[in-house]
N, C-alpha and C. Protein backbone atom coordinates (compact mmCIF):
# COMPACT_ATOMS: atom_id res chain seq x y z
N MET A 1 19.61 -31.45 175.48
CA MET A 1 19.15 -32.69 175.02
C MET A 1 19.82 -33.34 173.99
N SER A 2 19.97 -34.49 174.04
CA SER A 2 20.66 -35.14 173.03
C SER A 2 19.57 -36.36 172.45
N PHE A 3 19.89 -36.52 171.22
CA PHE A 3 19.09 -37.34 170.38
C PHE A 3 19.98 -38.33 169.47
N ASP A 4 19.38 -39.55 169.24
CA ASP A 4 20.22 -40.52 168.37
C ASP A 4 20.18 -40.03 167.06
N ALA A 5 18.99 -39.36 166.51
CA ALA A 5 18.92 -38.99 165.20
C ALA A 5 18.13 -37.91 164.90
N ILE A 6 18.20 -37.00 163.78
CA ILE A 6 17.61 -36.14 163.38
C ILE A 6 16.85 -36.70 162.26
N VAL A 7 15.43 -36.68 162.35
CA VAL A 7 14.68 -37.02 161.23
C VAL A 7 14.09 -35.88 160.30
N VAL A 8 14.55 -35.68 159.07
CA VAL A 8 14.08 -34.64 158.19
C VAL A 8 12.78 -35.44 157.33
N LEU A 9 11.78 -34.80 157.47
CA LEU A 9 10.43 -35.46 156.56
C LEU A 9 10.63 -34.79 155.29
N GLY A 10 10.18 -35.50 154.35
CA GLY A 10 10.04 -35.14 152.91
C GLY A 10 8.95 -34.29 152.72
N ALA A 11 8.88 -33.71 151.61
CA ALA A 11 7.94 -32.61 151.24
C ALA A 11 7.87 -32.58 149.74
N ALA A 12 6.98 -31.87 149.23
CA ALA A 12 6.76 -31.56 147.57
C ALA A 12 8.10 -30.90 147.21
N LEU A 13 8.49 -31.49 146.04
CA LEU A 13 9.61 -30.99 144.95
C LEU A 13 9.02 -29.84 144.26
N ALA A 14 10.00 -28.98 143.71
CA ALA A 14 9.59 -27.71 142.95
C ALA A 14 9.37 -28.33 141.53
N PRO A 15 8.77 -27.77 140.53
CA PRO A 15 8.63 -28.12 139.26
C PRO A 15 9.87 -28.68 138.47
N GLY A 16 11.06 -27.90 138.76
CA GLY A 16 12.33 -28.32 138.18
C GLY A 16 12.99 -29.54 138.92
N GLY A 17 12.42 -30.25 140.05
CA GLY A 17 13.02 -31.41 140.66
C GLY A 17 13.58 -30.90 141.92
N GLY A 18 13.83 -29.64 142.14
CA GLY A 18 14.65 -29.37 143.45
C GLY A 18 13.80 -29.18 144.34
N PRO A 19 14.10 -28.98 145.72
CA PRO A 19 13.35 -28.89 146.90
C PRO A 19 12.18 -27.69 146.64
N GLY A 20 11.15 -28.00 146.95
CA GLY A 20 10.01 -26.94 147.04
C GLY A 20 10.49 -26.09 148.46
N PRO A 21 9.67 -24.88 148.52
CA PRO A 21 9.61 -24.05 149.72
C PRO A 21 9.65 -24.89 151.07
N ALA A 22 8.73 -25.59 151.15
CA ALA A 22 8.47 -26.54 152.51
C ALA A 22 9.84 -27.49 152.72
N LEU A 23 10.02 -28.19 151.60
CA LEU A 23 11.39 -29.13 151.70
C LEU A 23 12.55 -28.30 151.94
N ALA A 24 12.77 -27.13 151.28
CA ALA A 24 14.01 -26.41 151.75
C ALA A 24 14.07 -25.93 153.01
N GLU A 25 12.97 -25.50 153.37
CA GLU A 25 12.90 -25.15 155.12
C GLU A 25 13.50 -26.35 155.71
N ARG A 26 12.77 -27.55 155.60
CA ARG A 26 13.00 -28.61 156.57
C ARG A 26 14.43 -29.00 156.46
N ILE A 27 14.98 -29.11 155.11
CA ILE A 27 16.54 -29.50 155.14
C ILE A 27 17.34 -28.60 155.84
N ALA A 28 17.15 -27.24 155.45
CA ALA A 28 18.03 -26.16 156.18
C ALA A 28 17.94 -26.46 157.81
N ALA A 29 16.73 -26.56 158.12
CA ALA A 29 16.52 -26.61 159.85
C ALA A 29 17.35 -28.23 160.31
N GLY A 30 17.25 -29.02 159.51
CA GLY A 30 17.88 -30.33 159.90
C GLY A 30 19.35 -30.16 160.06
N ALA A 31 19.92 -29.43 158.68
CA ALA A 31 21.25 -29.07 158.69
C ALA A 31 21.80 -28.24 160.04
N GLU A 32 20.80 -27.26 160.43
CA GLU A 32 20.99 -26.33 161.60
C GLU A 32 20.90 -27.18 162.74
N ALA A 33 20.07 -28.02 162.89
CA ALA A 33 20.25 -29.18 164.03
C ALA A 33 21.26 -30.01 164.16
N PHE A 34 21.89 -30.53 163.07
CA PHE A 34 22.97 -31.30 163.00
C PHE A 34 24.28 -30.17 163.43
N ALA A 35 24.46 -29.26 162.95
CA ALA A 35 25.62 -28.21 163.15
C ALA A 35 25.54 -27.87 164.76
N ARG A 36 24.36 -27.97 165.24
CA ARG A 36 24.24 -27.55 166.79
C ARG A 36 24.58 -28.76 167.66
N GLY A 37 24.80 -29.81 166.94
CA GLY A 37 25.38 -31.12 167.71
C GLY A 37 24.32 -31.89 168.36
N LEU A 38 23.07 -31.72 167.98
CA LEU A 38 21.82 -32.22 168.67
C LEU A 38 21.83 -33.85 168.33
N ALA A 39 22.34 -34.28 167.16
CA ALA A 39 22.40 -35.89 166.96
C ALA A 39 23.55 -36.26 166.02
N PRO A 40 23.96 -37.28 165.88
CA PRO A 40 25.28 -37.82 165.12
C PRO A 40 24.79 -38.19 163.94
N VAL A 41 23.55 -38.22 163.55
CA VAL A 41 22.95 -38.86 162.40
C VAL A 41 21.73 -37.98 161.83
N VAL A 42 21.68 -37.91 160.66
CA VAL A 42 20.51 -37.18 159.95
C VAL A 42 19.90 -38.17 159.06
N VAL A 43 18.41 -38.60 159.31
CA VAL A 43 17.84 -39.30 158.33
C VAL A 43 17.14 -38.56 157.32
N MET A 44 17.20 -38.52 156.02
CA MET A 44 16.42 -38.11 155.15
C MET A 44 15.31 -38.94 154.61
N THR A 45 14.05 -38.79 154.96
CA THR A 45 12.95 -39.66 154.45
C THR A 45 12.10 -39.20 153.50
N GLY A 46 11.80 -39.81 152.37
CA GLY A 46 10.73 -39.40 151.38
C GLY A 46 10.92 -40.33 150.22
N ALA A 47 10.07 -40.88 149.59
CA ALA A 47 10.46 -41.58 148.45
C ALA A 47 10.84 -41.05 147.22
N LEU A 48 10.17 -39.70 147.06
CA LEU A 48 10.71 -38.97 145.68
C LEU A 48 11.86 -38.08 146.03
N ASP A 49 12.08 -37.88 147.33
CA ASP A 49 13.07 -36.78 147.65
C ASP A 49 14.27 -36.96 148.49
N ALA A 50 14.53 -38.10 149.06
CA ALA A 50 15.52 -38.46 150.11
C ALA A 50 16.90 -38.07 149.43
N GLN A 51 17.14 -38.19 148.20
CA GLN A 51 18.48 -38.32 147.69
C GLN A 51 18.61 -36.83 147.31
N ILE A 52 17.68 -36.13 146.85
CA ILE A 52 17.84 -34.46 146.88
C ILE A 52 17.83 -34.07 148.04
N MET A 53 17.49 -34.39 149.03
CA MET A 53 17.56 -33.87 150.41
C MET A 53 18.89 -34.15 150.80
N CYS A 54 19.37 -35.26 150.65
CA CYS A 54 20.71 -35.53 151.13
C CYS A 54 21.65 -34.56 150.36
N ASP A 55 21.72 -34.28 149.20
CA ASP A 55 22.46 -33.63 148.33
C ASP A 55 22.52 -31.99 148.87
N ARG A 56 21.30 -31.56 148.98
CA ARG A 56 21.24 -30.28 149.67
C ARG A 56 21.90 -30.20 151.15
N ALA A 57 21.52 -31.15 151.91
CA ALA A 57 22.08 -31.06 153.17
C ALA A 57 23.70 -31.15 153.31
N VAL A 58 24.19 -31.99 152.18
CA VAL A 58 25.59 -31.95 152.16
C VAL A 58 26.23 -30.49 151.73
N ALA A 59 25.55 -29.75 150.77
CA ALA A 59 25.83 -28.66 150.53
C ALA A 59 25.85 -27.39 151.69
N LEU A 60 24.80 -27.76 152.54
CA LEU A 60 24.69 -27.00 153.71
C LEU A 60 25.80 -27.22 154.95
N GLY A 61 26.57 -28.32 154.58
CA GLY A 61 27.70 -28.57 155.55
C GLY A 61 27.43 -29.97 156.22
N VAL A 62 26.48 -30.81 156.17
CA VAL A 62 26.29 -32.00 156.75
C VAL A 62 27.09 -33.03 156.18
N PRO A 63 28.20 -33.73 156.89
CA PRO A 63 29.08 -34.81 156.18
C PRO A 63 27.98 -35.85 155.48
N ARG A 64 28.28 -36.29 154.31
CA ARG A 64 27.58 -37.27 153.63
C ARG A 64 27.45 -38.56 154.55
N GLU A 65 28.60 -38.93 155.22
CA GLU A 65 28.64 -40.19 155.92
C GLU A 65 27.68 -40.07 157.14
N ALA A 66 27.24 -38.92 157.63
CA ALA A 66 26.33 -38.79 158.83
C ALA A 66 24.74 -38.89 158.41
N ILE A 67 24.54 -39.11 157.00
CA ILE A 67 23.18 -39.00 156.41
C ILE A 67 22.94 -40.30 156.14
N ARG A 68 21.71 -40.84 156.57
CA ARG A 68 20.93 -42.18 156.28
C ARG A 68 19.87 -41.73 155.23
N LEU A 69 19.57 -42.48 154.22
CA LEU A 69 18.48 -42.31 153.27
C LEU A 69 17.27 -43.21 153.67
N GLU A 70 16.14 -42.63 153.65
CA GLU A 70 15.10 -43.79 153.83
C GLU A 70 14.16 -43.34 152.57
N PRO A 71 14.33 -44.05 151.51
CA PRO A 71 13.82 -43.67 150.31
C PRO A 71 12.35 -44.03 149.82
N THR A 72 11.52 -44.64 150.75
CA THR A 72 10.37 -45.23 150.39
C THR A 72 9.09 -44.59 150.90
N ALA A 73 9.17 -43.79 151.91
CA ALA A 73 7.80 -43.17 152.53
C ALA A 73 7.21 -42.21 151.70
N LEU A 74 5.88 -42.46 151.60
CA LEU A 74 4.94 -41.42 150.92
C LEU A 74 4.04 -40.62 151.92
N THR A 75 4.02 -40.99 152.97
CA THR A 75 3.22 -40.27 153.89
C THR A 75 3.95 -40.08 155.42
N THR A 76 3.40 -39.35 156.30
CA THR A 76 3.86 -39.32 157.56
C THR A 76 3.77 -40.49 158.31
N ARG A 77 2.91 -41.33 158.09
CA ARG A 77 2.70 -42.64 158.84
C ARG A 77 3.79 -43.47 158.19
N THR A 78 4.11 -43.55 156.82
CA THR A 78 5.22 -44.30 156.55
C THR A 78 6.60 -43.84 156.75
N ASN A 79 6.64 -42.60 156.87
CA ASN A 79 7.85 -41.91 157.36
C ASN A 79 8.15 -42.69 158.55
N ALA A 80 7.42 -42.61 159.51
CA ALA A 80 7.39 -43.05 160.90
C ALA A 80 7.87 -44.75 161.05
N VAL A 81 7.04 -45.44 160.35
CA VAL A 81 6.99 -46.89 160.11
C VAL A 81 8.50 -47.13 159.39
N ALA A 82 8.74 -46.66 158.34
CA ALA A 82 10.23 -46.91 157.69
C ALA A 82 11.25 -46.58 158.55
N CYS A 83 11.30 -45.37 159.26
CA CYS A 83 12.57 -44.94 160.05
C CYS A 83 12.51 -45.70 161.31
N ALA A 84 11.55 -46.38 161.77
CA ALA A 84 11.57 -47.51 162.92
C ALA A 84 12.40 -48.65 162.26
N GLN A 85 12.10 -48.98 161.11
CA GLN A 85 12.79 -50.33 160.46
C GLN A 85 14.41 -49.84 160.30
N LEU A 86 14.39 -48.54 159.89
CA LEU A 86 15.99 -48.20 159.54
C LEU A 86 16.76 -48.02 160.94
N LEU A 87 16.20 -47.39 161.82
CA LEU A 87 16.70 -47.20 163.09
C LEU A 87 16.48 -48.06 164.32
N SER A 88 16.11 -49.42 163.73
CA SER A 88 15.79 -50.39 164.83
C SER A 88 16.99 -50.81 165.70
N PRO A 89 16.65 -51.15 167.06
CA PRO A 89 15.19 -50.55 167.74
C PRO A 89 14.97 -49.15 167.60
N PRO A 90 13.76 -48.74 167.71
CA PRO A 90 13.63 -47.22 167.76
C PRO A 90 14.22 -46.53 168.84
N LYS A 91 14.55 -45.53 168.64
CA LYS A 91 15.50 -44.62 169.39
C LYS A 91 14.66 -43.17 169.70
N ARG A 92 15.57 -42.40 170.28
CA ARG A 92 15.30 -40.90 170.54
C ARG A 92 15.57 -40.04 169.28
N VAL A 93 14.53 -39.52 168.77
CA VAL A 93 14.75 -38.74 167.54
C VAL A 93 14.23 -37.21 167.57
N LEU A 94 14.56 -36.51 166.67
CA LEU A 94 14.24 -35.14 166.62
C LEU A 94 13.60 -34.96 165.31
N VAL A 95 12.32 -34.77 165.14
CA VAL A 95 11.54 -34.61 163.86
C VAL A 95 11.57 -33.37 163.42
N VAL A 96 12.00 -33.13 162.19
CA VAL A 96 12.07 -31.86 161.46
C VAL A 96 11.00 -31.64 160.38
N THR A 97 9.84 -30.79 160.82
CA THR A 97 8.86 -30.42 159.85
C THR A 97 8.34 -28.96 160.44
N GLN A 98 7.30 -28.54 159.62
CA GLN A 98 6.82 -27.14 159.72
C GLN A 98 5.90 -27.30 160.99
N PRO A 99 5.57 -26.06 161.73
CA PRO A 99 4.83 -26.02 162.92
C PRO A 99 3.41 -26.57 162.73
N TYR A 100 2.89 -26.38 161.52
CA TYR A 100 1.38 -26.95 161.45
C TYR A 100 1.46 -28.50 161.30
N HIS A 101 2.54 -29.17 161.06
CA HIS A 101 2.62 -30.53 160.81
C HIS A 101 3.18 -31.34 162.13
N ARG A 102 3.90 -30.61 162.88
CA ARG A 102 4.67 -31.17 163.96
C ARG A 102 3.85 -31.97 165.04
N ARG A 103 2.71 -31.61 165.34
CA ARG A 103 1.97 -32.48 166.28
C ARG A 103 1.48 -33.98 165.90
N ARG A 104 1.13 -33.94 164.78
CA ARG A 104 0.94 -35.19 164.07
C ARG A 104 2.17 -36.03 163.63
N ALA A 105 3.08 -35.26 163.06
CA ALA A 105 4.36 -36.01 162.90
C ALA A 105 4.96 -36.61 164.13
N VAL A 106 5.06 -35.94 165.14
CA VAL A 106 5.57 -36.34 166.50
C VAL A 106 4.85 -37.53 167.02
N ALA A 107 3.54 -37.44 167.14
CA ALA A 107 2.55 -38.43 167.35
C ALA A 107 2.90 -39.73 166.70
N ALA A 108 2.72 -39.50 165.27
CA ALA A 108 2.95 -40.87 164.46
C ALA A 108 4.35 -41.47 164.76
N PHE A 109 5.48 -40.73 165.06
CA PHE A 109 6.64 -41.19 165.37
C PHE A 109 6.55 -41.98 166.92
N ARG A 110 6.09 -41.39 167.85
CA ARG A 110 5.82 -42.14 169.06
C ARG A 110 5.00 -43.26 169.02
N LYS A 111 3.96 -43.39 167.93
CA LYS A 111 3.06 -44.53 167.99
C LYS A 111 3.80 -45.58 167.42
N VAL A 112 4.92 -45.51 166.69
CA VAL A 112 5.83 -46.74 166.34
C VAL A 112 6.77 -47.09 167.25
N GLY A 113 6.81 -46.15 168.44
CA GLY A 113 8.00 -46.69 169.62
C GLY A 113 9.22 -45.71 169.79
N PHE A 114 9.25 -44.81 168.94
CA PHE A 114 10.08 -43.75 169.11
C PHE A 114 9.90 -42.55 170.16
N GLU A 115 10.96 -42.27 170.97
CA GLU A 115 10.97 -41.14 171.93
C GLU A 115 11.04 -39.90 170.75
N ALA A 116 10.11 -39.30 170.55
CA ALA A 116 10.36 -38.18 169.47
C ALA A 116 9.93 -36.72 169.99
N GLU A 117 10.54 -35.77 169.54
CA GLU A 117 10.47 -34.32 170.01
C GLU A 117 10.46 -33.76 168.41
N ALA A 118 9.82 -32.52 168.31
CA ALA A 118 9.55 -31.74 167.28
C ALA A 118 11.02 -30.65 167.44
N TYR A 119 11.57 -30.44 166.30
CA TYR A 119 12.68 -29.47 166.15
C TYR A 119 12.02 -28.06 165.91
N GLU A 120 12.17 -27.22 166.69
CA GLU A 120 11.45 -25.90 166.57
C GLU A 120 12.34 -24.86 165.69
N PHE A 121 11.87 -24.49 164.67
CA PHE A 121 12.33 -23.65 163.88
C PHE A 121 11.40 -22.56 163.10
N ALA A 122 11.84 -21.34 162.85
CA ALA A 122 10.76 -20.26 162.10
C ALA A 122 10.55 -20.85 160.77
N SER A 123 9.20 -20.85 160.56
CA SER A 123 8.73 -21.22 159.24
C SER A 123 7.81 -20.17 158.59
N ARG A 124 7.89 -20.13 157.19
CA ARG A 124 7.11 -19.26 156.52
C ARG A 124 6.00 -19.92 155.76
N ARG A 125 5.83 -21.20 156.00
CA ARG A 125 4.80 -22.19 155.58
C ARG A 125 3.83 -22.45 156.48
N ASN A 126 2.76 -21.70 156.58
CA ASN A 126 1.75 -21.77 157.63
C ASN A 126 0.49 -21.28 157.28
N SER A 127 0.06 -21.55 156.03
CA SER A 127 -1.27 -20.94 155.52
C SER A 127 -2.48 -21.46 155.94
N VAL A 128 -3.51 -20.83 155.94
CA VAL A 128 -4.69 -21.47 156.46
C VAL A 128 -5.15 -22.87 155.47
N LYS A 129 -4.84 -22.82 154.55
CA LYS A 129 -5.12 -23.97 153.77
C LYS A 129 -4.22 -25.07 154.42
N GLN A 130 -3.09 -24.87 154.65
CA GLN A 130 -2.14 -25.86 155.39
C GLN A 130 -2.85 -26.39 156.67
N ARG A 131 -3.14 -25.37 157.52
CA ARG A 131 -3.63 -25.74 158.88
C ARG A 131 -4.93 -26.39 158.67
N LEU A 132 -5.88 -26.08 157.92
CA LEU A 132 -7.09 -26.65 157.90
C LEU A 132 -6.87 -28.38 157.35
N ARG A 133 -6.02 -28.50 156.23
CA ARG A 133 -5.65 -29.61 155.62
C ARG A 133 -5.07 -30.47 156.85
N GLU A 134 -4.25 -30.02 157.77
CA GLU A 134 -3.72 -30.85 158.94
C GLU A 134 -4.65 -31.32 159.81
N ILE A 135 -5.69 -30.32 160.12
CA ILE A 135 -6.72 -30.85 160.97
C ILE A 135 -7.48 -32.02 160.65
N ALA A 136 -7.90 -32.01 159.16
CA ALA A 136 -8.32 -33.23 158.70
C ALA A 136 -7.50 -34.29 158.96
N ALA A 137 -6.25 -34.19 158.53
CA ALA A 137 -5.14 -35.31 158.31
C ALA A 137 -5.06 -35.87 159.97
N ARG A 138 -5.08 -35.09 160.96
CA ARG A 138 -5.01 -35.45 162.35
C ARG A 138 -6.13 -36.42 162.62
N ALA A 139 -7.34 -35.79 162.33
CA ALA A 139 -8.45 -36.70 162.44
C ALA A 139 -8.57 -37.85 161.73
N HIS A 140 -7.99 -38.04 160.66
CA HIS A 140 -7.91 -39.52 159.85
C HIS A 140 -7.02 -40.23 160.71
N TYR A 141 -5.68 -39.75 160.93
CA TYR A 141 -4.74 -40.50 161.65
C TYR A 141 -5.41 -40.89 163.03
N ARG A 142 -6.04 -40.18 163.58
CA ARG A 142 -6.58 -40.75 164.90
C ARG A 142 -7.64 -41.78 164.62
N TRP A 143 -8.43 -41.81 163.59
CA TRP A 143 -9.29 -42.71 163.35
C TRP A 143 -8.68 -43.97 162.87
N ARG A 144 -7.52 -44.01 162.10
CA ARG A 144 -7.03 -45.18 161.91
C ARG A 144 -6.09 -45.67 162.98
N GLY A 145 -5.88 -45.22 163.95
CA GLY A 145 -5.14 -45.42 165.16
C GLY A 145 -3.61 -45.18 164.88
N TRP A 146 -3.34 -44.38 164.00
CA TRP A 146 -2.04 -44.30 163.75
C TRP A 146 -1.21 -43.14 164.60
N ILE A 147 -1.99 -42.27 165.47
CA ILE A 147 -1.52 -41.57 166.48
C ILE A 147 -2.18 -41.60 167.76
């Protein structure tokens, strides 16, 4: 299956300013998807972390010229909306995030016009707290009409 872009969603930074554990997983998975030839472009989206994500992806072998930065998004919804503007018209994208977040993320990207699929990768980030938070977030997104 071929995609127009791999979209790596931002996440929390570590106290020292580098990628936190969830973000590090996402960047590594995005670099892996790129190395597998699944898309020619990797979008790093996140207001506080896009450049940090880019630098880490380059260190993992993604050519800098294959990376596009989306440095404004603060939520999954704004990730989708901002990427729709960056990749206008909306295209076929592979969304990179942890399993607990995939359903809402893919739905948010589809809602703004993308043909979106989740990139499946093993994750160590799947606590009960994260899953419970995600249930509430999905309900909120449905209520707002964002998914």
